[in-house]
Amino acid sequence: MAWILALVLFVEALGVAALNWFLGIVVDRQDMSLAGLDPDAMSISSKAGGIVFGLYFALCGVVALLVALRDRAPAGFGRILLISVAVVHALLGAFAWGLVGPGAFVSMVVVLGLVVLLLMTYDRREGPSGASPEPPAKDPAPAVPPTAPSTS
């Protein structure tokens, strides 16, 4: 399952970077301003945003890939990255419903579900990794006072 999430995040990283790069080219070729903003600034910021978000999703994909390779739960910075990408997908899903439609919403929720499933299934194990679990302690037999034989 971590392999699937890593693949999805890598594809998403390429898709986000390519889409923002394309939008930057479109803005640059139209040579129009939006509320007085410089078209070159909008083009450069779109391309830079695509690169930044593409690298962010790729880094999250690397964390998922490391989880798959090591077969261990993510720890520290990797766990924080996966939690943040889950929040990002929840927000993108909420915006996608209104702006793009239910199909985009479902795809964002599927990725969100994969991230949450990864975080929940690779739960931390307690104790050293090589130690075998101790058997549970047996309760001593309850103290029952001896009964006197009945004389009937």
N, C-alpha and C. Protein backbone atom coordinates (compact mmCIF):
# COMPACT_ATOMS: atom_id res chain seq x y z
N MET A 1 0.82 -1.19 0.00
CA MET A 1 0.00 0.00 0.00
C MET A 1 0.87 1.26 0.00
N ALA A 2 2.00 1.21 0.70
CA ALA A 2 2.91 2.36 0.71
C ALA A 2 3.52 2.57 -0.68
N TRP A 3 3.70 1.47 -1.42
CA TRP A 3 4.22 1.58 -2.79
C TRP A 3 3.24 2.35 -3.66
N ILE A 4 1.97 2.07 -3.51
CA ILE A 4 0.94 2.74 -4.32
C ILE A 4 0.91 4.23 -3.99
N LEU A 5 0.97 4.55 -2.70
CA LEU A 5 0.96 5.95 -2.29
C LEU A 5 2.18 6.68 -2.83
N ALA A 6 3.35 6.05 -2.78
CA ALA A 6 4.57 6.68 -3.30
C ALA A 6 4.41 6.96 -4.79
N LEU A 7 3.89 6.00 -5.54
CA LEU A 7 3.68 6.18 -6.97
C LEU A 7 2.69 7.31 -7.24
N VAL A 8 1.59 7.33 -6.49
CA VAL A 8 0.58 8.37 -6.67
C VAL A 8 1.16 9.75 -6.37
N LEU A 9 1.94 9.86 -5.32
CA LEU A 9 2.52 11.17 -4.97
C LEU A 9 3.55 11.63 -5.99
N PHE A 10 4.33 10.70 -6.56
CA PHE A 10 5.28 11.08 -7.61
C PHE A 10 4.56 11.55 -8.87
N VAL A 11 3.50 10.85 -9.26
CA VAL A 11 2.71 11.27 -10.43
C VAL A 11 2.05 12.62 -10.16
N GLU A 12 1.55 12.79 -8.96
CA GLU A 12 0.93 14.06 -8.59
C GLU A 12 1.95 15.20 -8.60
N ALA A 13 3.17 14.92 -8.15
CA ALA A 13 4.22 15.95 -8.16
C ALA A 13 4.51 16.39 -9.58
N LEU A 14 4.64 15.45 -10.49
CA LEU A 14 4.87 15.80 -11.89
C LEU A 14 3.68 16.55 -12.48
N GLY A 15 2.48 16.11 -12.15
CA GLY A 15 1.27 16.75 -12.68
C GLY A 15 1.11 18.18 -12.19
N VAL A 16 1.35 18.42 -10.91
CA VAL A 16 1.21 19.77 -10.36
C VAL A 16 2.27 20.69 -10.95
N ALA A 17 3.50 20.20 -11.04
CA ALA A 17 4.57 21.02 -11.61
C ALA A 17 4.29 21.35 -13.07
N ALA A 18 3.86 20.35 -13.85
CA ALA A 18 3.58 20.57 -15.27
C ALA A 18 2.39 21.51 -15.47
N LEU A 19 1.35 21.36 -14.66
CA LEU A 19 0.18 22.22 -14.79
C LEU A 19 0.52 23.67 -14.48
N ASN A 20 1.25 23.91 -13.40
CA ASN A 20 1.62 25.29 -13.06
C ASN A 20 2.59 25.87 -14.08
N TRP A 21 3.48 25.05 -14.61
CA TRP A 21 4.39 25.54 -15.65
C TRP A 21 3.60 25.94 -16.89
N PHE A 22 2.62 25.11 -17.27
CA PHE A 22 1.77 25.42 -18.42
C PHE A 22 0.97 26.70 -18.18
N LEU A 23 0.43 26.86 -16.98
CA LEU A 23 -0.32 28.08 -16.67
C LEU A 23 0.58 29.31 -16.71
N GLY A 24 1.82 29.17 -16.28
CA GLY A 24 2.77 30.27 -16.36
C GLY A 24 3.06 30.65 -17.81
N ILE A 25 3.17 29.67 -18.69
CA ILE A 25 3.38 29.95 -20.11
C ILE A 25 2.16 30.64 -20.72
N VAL A 26 0.97 30.19 -20.34
CA VAL A 26 -0.26 30.81 -20.86
C VAL A 26 -0.34 32.27 -20.44
N VAL A 27 -0.07 32.55 -19.18
CA VAL A 27 -0.11 33.93 -18.70
C VAL A 27 0.94 34.78 -19.42
N ASP A 28 2.11 34.21 -19.63
CA ASP A 28 3.19 34.93 -20.30
C ASP A 28 2.83 35.27 -21.75
N ARG A 29 2.17 34.35 -22.45
CA ARG A 29 1.83 34.58 -23.86
C ARG A 29 0.63 35.49 -24.04
N GLN A 30 -0.24 35.57 -23.06
CA GLN A 30 -1.41 36.44 -23.19
C GLN A 30 -1.03 37.90 -22.99
N ASP A 31 0.00 38.15 -22.23
CA ASP A 31 0.47 39.51 -21.99
C ASP A 31 -0.65 40.41 -21.47
N MET A 32 -1.39 39.89 -20.50
CA MET A 32 -2.47 40.66 -19.87
C MET A 32 -2.15 40.79 -18.40
N SER A 33 -2.67 41.84 -17.78
CA SER A 33 -2.45 42.00 -16.35
C SER A 33 -3.75 41.74 -15.61
N LEU A 34 -3.62 41.33 -14.39
CA LEU A 34 -4.78 41.07 -13.55
C LEU A 34 -4.72 42.05 -12.40
N ALA A 35 -5.63 43.02 -12.39
CA ALA A 35 -5.68 44.05 -11.37
C ALA A 35 -4.36 44.81 -11.28
N GLY A 36 -3.74 45.04 -12.40
CA GLY A 36 -2.52 45.83 -12.44
C GLY A 36 -1.24 45.07 -12.13
N LEU A 37 -1.33 43.74 -11.94
CA LEU A 37 -0.14 42.95 -11.66
C LEU A 37 0.67 42.76 -12.95
N ASP A 38 1.96 42.68 -12.79
CA ASP A 38 2.85 42.48 -13.93
C ASP A 38 2.69 41.05 -14.45
N PRO A 39 2.46 40.86 -15.75
CA PRO A 39 2.30 39.50 -16.29
C PRO A 39 3.55 38.64 -16.11
N ASP A 40 4.72 39.26 -16.18
CA ASP A 40 5.95 38.49 -15.97
C ASP A 40 6.04 37.97 -14.53
N ALA A 41 5.62 38.78 -13.59
CA ALA A 41 5.63 38.36 -12.19
C ALA A 41 4.64 37.21 -11.96
N MET A 42 3.48 37.29 -12.59
CA MET A 42 2.50 36.21 -12.45
C MET A 42 3.02 34.94 -13.09
N SER A 43 3.66 35.05 -14.23
CA SER A 43 4.20 33.88 -14.92
C SER A 43 5.30 33.22 -14.10
N ILE A 44 6.21 34.03 -13.60
CA ILE A 44 7.32 33.49 -12.81
C ILE A 44 6.82 32.88 -11.50
N SER A 45 5.86 33.54 -10.86
CA SER A 45 5.35 33.00 -9.60
C SER A 45 4.58 31.71 -9.81
N SER A 46 3.88 31.59 -10.93
CA SER A 46 3.18 30.34 -11.22
C SER A 46 4.17 29.20 -11.44
N LYS A 47 5.23 29.48 -12.18
CA LYS A 47 6.24 28.45 -12.42
C LYS A 47 6.97 28.09 -11.12
N ALA A 48 7.30 29.09 -10.32
CA ALA A 48 7.98 28.83 -9.04
C ALA A 48 7.09 28.04 -8.09
N GLY A 49 5.81 28.40 -8.05
CA GLY A 49 4.87 27.66 -7.21
C GLY A 49 4.74 26.22 -7.65
N GLY A 50 4.73 25.99 -8.95
CA GLY A 50 4.67 24.62 -9.46
C GLY A 50 5.88 23.81 -9.06
N ILE A 51 7.04 24.43 -9.14
CA ILE A 51 8.27 23.73 -8.76
C ILE A 51 8.27 23.43 -7.26
N VAL A 52 7.86 24.41 -6.45
CA VAL A 52 7.86 24.21 -4.99
C VAL A 52 6.88 23.11 -4.60
N PHE A 53 5.65 23.17 -5.11
CA PHE A 53 4.67 22.14 -4.76
C PHE A 53 5.03 20.79 -5.36
N GLY A 54 5.62 20.78 -6.54
CA GLY A 54 6.08 19.53 -7.12
C GLY A 54 7.15 18.88 -6.26
N LEU A 55 8.09 19.67 -5.78
CA LEU A 55 9.14 19.14 -4.90
C LEU A 55 8.56 18.67 -3.56
N TYR A 56 7.56 19.40 -3.06
CA TYR A 56 6.91 19.01 -1.80
C TYR A 56 6.23 17.65 -1.95
N PHE A 57 5.45 17.47 -3.02
CA PHE A 57 4.78 16.19 -3.23
C PHE A 57 5.80 15.08 -3.50
N ALA A 58 6.89 15.40 -4.21
CA ALA A 58 7.93 14.41 -4.46
C ALA A 58 8.62 14.00 -3.15
N LEU A 59 8.85 14.95 -2.26
CA LEU A 59 9.47 14.64 -0.97
C LEU A 59 8.53 13.74 -0.14
N CYS A 60 7.25 14.03 -0.19
CA CYS A 60 6.28 13.17 0.50
C CYS A 60 6.27 11.77 -0.13
N GLY A 61 6.44 11.71 -1.46
CA GLY A 61 6.53 10.42 -2.12
C GLY A 61 7.77 9.65 -1.71
N VAL A 62 8.88 10.35 -1.48
CA VAL A 62 10.11 9.71 -1.01
C VAL A 62 9.89 9.13 0.39
N VAL A 63 9.17 9.86 1.23
CA VAL A 63 8.87 9.35 2.58
C VAL A 63 8.03 8.08 2.48
N ALA A 64 7.02 8.09 1.63
CA ALA A 64 6.18 6.89 1.45
C ALA A 64 7.01 5.74 0.88
N LEU A 65 7.93 6.05 -0.02
CA LEU A 65 8.80 5.02 -0.59
C LEU A 65 9.71 4.42 0.49
N LEU A 66 10.24 5.27 1.37
CA LEU A 66 11.08 4.76 2.46
C LEU A 66 10.27 3.89 3.42
N VAL A 67 9.03 4.26 3.66
CA VAL A 67 8.17 3.42 4.50
C VAL A 67 7.98 2.06 3.85
N ALA A 68 7.78 2.05 2.53
CA ALA A 68 7.58 0.78 1.82
C ALA A 68 8.86 -0.06 1.84
N LEU A 69 10.01 0.57 1.65
CA LEU A 69 11.27 -0.17 1.61
C LEU A 69 11.66 -0.72 2.98
N ARG A 70 11.47 0.08 4.01
CA ARG A 70 11.89 -0.32 5.36
C ARG A 70 10.83 -1.14 6.09
N ASP A 71 9.60 -1.05 5.63
CA ASP A 71 8.46 -1.71 6.28
C ASP A 71 8.35 -1.28 7.74
N ARG A 72 8.54 0.02 7.95
CA ARG A 72 8.41 0.62 9.28
C ARG A 72 7.61 1.89 9.17
N ALA A 73 7.04 2.29 10.27
CA ALA A 73 6.26 3.54 10.32
C ALA A 73 7.18 4.74 10.14
N PRO A 74 6.68 5.79 9.50
CA PRO A 74 7.49 7.00 9.39
C PRO A 74 7.66 7.64 10.76
N ALA A 75 8.80 8.26 10.96
CA ALA A 75 9.07 8.89 12.25
C ALA A 75 9.52 10.31 12.04
N GLY A 76 9.29 11.14 13.03
CA GLY A 76 9.79 12.51 13.04
C GLY A 76 9.30 13.34 11.87
N PHE A 77 10.27 13.87 11.11
CA PHE A 77 9.96 14.79 10.01
C PHE A 77 9.12 14.11 8.92
N GLY A 78 9.38 12.84 8.66
CA GLY A 78 8.61 12.11 7.66
C GLY A 78 7.14 11.99 8.04
N ARG A 79 6.89 11.71 9.31
CA ARG A 79 5.50 11.61 9.78
C ARG A 79 4.79 12.97 9.67
N ILE A 80 5.52 14.04 10.01
CA ILE A 80 4.95 15.38 9.91
C ILE A 80 4.64 15.70 8.45
N LEU A 81 5.54 15.33 7.53
CA LEU A 81 5.29 15.56 6.11
C LEU A 81 4.04 14.83 5.63
N LEU A 82 3.88 13.57 6.04
CA LEU A 82 2.71 12.82 5.61
C LEU A 82 1.42 13.38 6.21
N ILE A 83 1.48 13.84 7.43
CA ILE A 83 0.29 14.46 8.03
C ILE A 83 -0.04 15.75 7.30
N SER A 84 0.99 16.53 6.96
CA SER A 84 0.73 17.79 6.24
C SER A 84 0.19 17.54 4.84
N VAL A 85 0.67 16.49 4.16
CA VAL A 85 0.14 16.22 2.82
C VAL A 85 -1.30 15.70 2.92
N ALA A 86 -1.65 15.06 4.02
CA ALA A 86 -3.05 14.66 4.22
C ALA A 86 -3.93 15.89 4.38
N VAL A 87 -3.47 16.86 5.14
CA VAL A 87 -4.24 18.10 5.32
C VAL A 87 -4.36 18.85 4.00
N VAL A 88 -3.27 18.90 3.23
CA VAL A 88 -3.30 19.57 1.93
C VAL A 88 -4.31 18.91 1.01
N HIS A 89 -4.36 17.58 1.00
CA HIS A 89 -5.32 16.90 0.13
C HIS A 89 -6.76 17.08 0.61
N ALA A 90 -6.95 17.19 1.91
CA ALA A 90 -8.29 17.48 2.42
C ALA A 90 -8.76 18.86 1.95
N LEU A 91 -7.87 19.84 2.05
CA LEU A 91 -8.23 21.19 1.59
C LEU A 91 -8.40 21.25 0.08
N LEU A 92 -7.51 20.59 -0.67
CA LEU A 92 -7.65 20.56 -2.12
C LEU A 92 -8.94 19.88 -2.53
N GLY A 93 -9.32 18.83 -1.81
CA GLY A 93 -10.58 18.16 -2.10
C GLY A 93 -11.77 19.05 -1.87
N ALA A 94 -11.74 19.83 -0.80
CA ALA A 94 -12.84 20.76 -0.52
C ALA A 94 -12.95 21.83 -1.60
N PHE A 95 -11.80 22.35 -2.03
CA PHE A 95 -11.83 23.36 -3.10
C PHE A 95 -12.18 22.75 -4.44
N ALA A 96 -11.72 21.53 -4.68
CA ALA A 96 -11.95 20.88 -5.97
C ALA A 96 -13.43 20.62 -6.20
N TRP A 97 -14.16 20.32 -5.15
CA TRP A 97 -15.59 20.06 -5.31
C TRP A 97 -16.29 21.28 -5.91
N GLY A 98 -15.98 22.44 -5.40
CA GLY A 98 -16.64 23.65 -5.88
C GLY A 98 -16.09 24.16 -7.20
N LEU A 99 -14.79 24.02 -7.43
CA LEU A 99 -14.18 24.61 -8.61
C LEU A 99 -14.14 23.68 -9.82
N VAL A 100 -13.89 22.39 -9.59
CA VAL A 100 -13.70 21.47 -10.70
C VAL A 100 -14.86 20.48 -10.83
N GLY A 101 -15.29 19.92 -9.72
CA GLY A 101 -16.40 18.98 -9.76
C GLY A 101 -16.14 17.77 -8.88
N PRO A 102 -17.10 16.86 -8.85
CA PRO A 102 -16.99 15.71 -7.96
C PRO A 102 -15.85 14.75 -8.32
N GLY A 103 -15.46 14.66 -9.58
CA GLY A 103 -14.38 13.76 -9.97
C GLY A 103 -13.06 14.14 -9.33
N ALA A 104 -12.75 15.43 -9.34
CA ALA A 104 -11.51 15.90 -8.71
C ALA A 104 -11.58 15.71 -7.20
N PHE A 105 -12.77 15.92 -6.64
CA PHE A 105 -12.96 15.72 -5.21
C PHE A 105 -12.67 14.27 -4.83
N VAL A 106 -13.21 13.34 -5.60
CA VAL A 106 -13.02 11.93 -5.30
C VAL A 106 -11.55 11.55 -5.40
N SER A 107 -10.85 12.08 -6.39
CA SER A 107 -9.42 11.74 -6.52
C SER A 107 -8.62 12.28 -5.33
N MET A 108 -8.95 13.48 -4.86
CA MET A 108 -8.25 14.03 -3.70
C MET A 108 -8.56 13.21 -2.44
N VAL A 109 -9.80 12.78 -2.31
CA VAL A 109 -10.19 11.99 -1.14
C VAL A 109 -9.53 10.61 -1.17
N VAL A 110 -9.36 10.05 -2.36
CA VAL A 110 -8.68 8.75 -2.46
C VAL A 110 -7.22 8.89 -2.00
N VAL A 111 -6.54 9.94 -2.44
CA VAL A 111 -5.15 10.14 -1.99
C VAL A 111 -5.13 10.42 -0.49
N LEU A 112 -6.06 11.20 0.00
CA LEU A 112 -6.16 11.45 1.45
C LEU A 112 -6.35 10.13 2.19
N GLY A 113 -7.21 9.28 1.69
CA GLY A 113 -7.43 7.98 2.32
C GLY A 113 -6.18 7.12 2.32
N LEU A 114 -5.43 7.15 1.22
CA LEU A 114 -4.18 6.38 1.16
C LEU A 114 -3.17 6.88 2.19
N VAL A 115 -3.07 8.19 2.33
CA VAL A 115 -2.12 8.74 3.31
C VAL A 115 -2.53 8.37 4.73
N VAL A 116 -3.81 8.53 5.03
CA VAL A 116 -4.29 8.20 6.38
C VAL A 116 -4.13 6.70 6.63
N LEU A 117 -4.41 5.88 5.63
CA LEU A 117 -4.24 4.44 5.78
C LEU A 117 -2.78 4.08 6.04
N LEU A 118 -1.88 4.74 5.35
CA LEU A 118 -0.45 4.51 5.59
C LEU A 118 -0.08 4.88 7.01
N LEU A 119 -0.57 6.03 7.47
CA LEU A 119 -0.24 6.47 8.83
C LEU A 119 -0.83 5.55 9.90
N MET A 120 -1.98 4.96 9.61
CA MET A 120 -2.64 4.12 10.61
C MET A 120 -2.16 2.67 10.58
N THR A 121 -1.82 2.14 9.41
CA THR A 121 -1.45 0.73 9.35
C THR A 121 -0.02 0.49 9.79
N TYR A 122 0.85 1.44 9.55
CA TYR A 122 2.23 1.30 10.00
C TYR A 122 2.35 1.98 11.35
N ASP A 123 1.62 1.47 12.33
CA ASP A 123 1.64 2.05 13.66
C ASP A 123 2.92 1.67 14.36
N ARG A 124 3.37 2.51 15.26
CA ARG A 124 4.62 2.25 15.97
C ARG A 124 4.49 1.02 16.85
N ARG A 125 5.55 0.24 16.86
CA ARG A 125 5.61 -0.92 17.74
C ARG A 125 6.29 -0.50 19.03
N GLU A 126 5.78 -0.99 20.14
CA GLU A 126 6.35 -0.65 21.44
C GLU A 126 7.54 -1.56 21.73
N GLY A 127 8.55 -1.03 22.37
CA GLY A 127 9.69 -1.82 22.79
C GLY A 127 10.69 -2.00 21.67
N PRO A 128 11.81 -2.70 21.98
CA PRO A 128 12.83 -2.93 20.95
C PRO A 128 12.26 -3.80 19.83
N SER A 129 12.80 -3.61 18.63
CA SER A 129 12.25 -4.31 17.48
C SER A 129 12.54 -5.81 17.52
N GLY A 130 13.63 -6.25 18.14
CA GLY A 130 13.98 -7.66 18.15
C GLY A 130 13.45 -8.41 19.36
N ALA A 131 12.88 -7.73 20.32
CA ALA A 131 12.42 -8.39 21.54
C ALA A 131 11.10 -9.09 21.30
N SER A 132 10.98 -10.26 21.91
CA SER A 132 9.71 -10.97 21.81
C SER A 132 8.81 -10.50 22.95
N PRO A 133 7.53 -10.47 22.71
CA PRO A 133 6.63 -9.99 23.77
C PRO A 133 6.61 -10.98 24.94
N GLU A 134 6.52 -10.42 26.13
CA GLU A 134 6.46 -11.25 27.34
C GLU A 134 5.06 -11.81 27.49
N PRO A 135 4.96 -13.06 27.98
CA PRO A 135 3.61 -13.60 28.19
C PRO A 135 2.95 -12.85 29.35
N PRO A 136 1.65 -12.74 29.30
CA PRO A 136 0.97 -12.02 30.39
C PRO A 136 1.13 -12.77 31.70
N ALA A 137 1.24 -12.01 32.78
CA ALA A 137 1.39 -12.61 34.11
C ALA A 137 0.08 -13.27 34.51
N LYS A 138 0.22 -14.46 35.08
CA LYS A 138 -0.99 -15.18 35.51
C LYS A 138 -1.38 -14.69 36.89
N ASP A 139 -2.68 -14.54 37.08
CA ASP A 139 -3.18 -14.14 38.38
C ASP A 139 -3.12 -15.35 39.31
N PRO A 140 -2.69 -15.12 40.54
CA PRO A 140 -2.70 -16.26 41.48
C PRO A 140 -4.15 -16.66 41.75
N ALA A 141 -4.31 -17.90 42.11
CA ALA A 141 -5.67 -18.40 42.40
C ALA A 141 -6.26 -17.62 43.56
N PRO A 142 -7.50 -17.25 43.44
CA PRO A 142 -8.10 -16.48 44.54
C PRO A 142 -8.12 -17.30 45.83
N ALA A 143 -7.87 -16.60 46.90
CA ALA A 143 -7.86 -17.26 48.22
C ALA A 143 -9.30 -17.52 48.64
N VAL A 144 -9.64 -18.80 48.71
CA VAL A 144 -10.98 -19.18 49.14
C VAL A 144 -10.82 -19.91 50.47
N PRO A 145 -11.51 -19.43 51.47
CA PRO A 145 -11.38 -20.12 52.77
C PRO A 145 -11.92 -21.56 52.68
N PRO A 146 -11.23 -22.45 53.31
CA PRO A 146 -11.72 -23.84 53.24
C PRO A 146 -13.08 -23.93 53.93
N THR A 147 -13.92 -24.75 53.37
CA THR A 147 -15.26 -24.92 53.92
C THR A 147 -15.25 -26.11 54.88
N ALA A 148 -15.93 -25.95 55.96
CA ALA A 148 -16.02 -27.04 56.93
C ALA A 148 -17.04 -28.06 56.45
N PRO A 149 -16.75 -29.36 56.68
CA PRO A 149 -17.74 -30.36 56.22
C PRO A 149 -19.06 -30.18 56.97
N SER A 150 -20.07 -30.34 56.24
CA SER A 150 -21.40 -30.15 56.85
C SER A 150 -21.79 -31.40 57.63
N THR A 151 -22.42 -31.20 58.75
CA THR A 151 -22.86 -32.33 59.59
C THR A 151 -24.36 -32.42 59.55
N SER A 152 -24.86 -32.93 58.59
CA SER A 152 -26.31 -33.05 58.55
C SER A 152 -26.72 -34.45 58.62
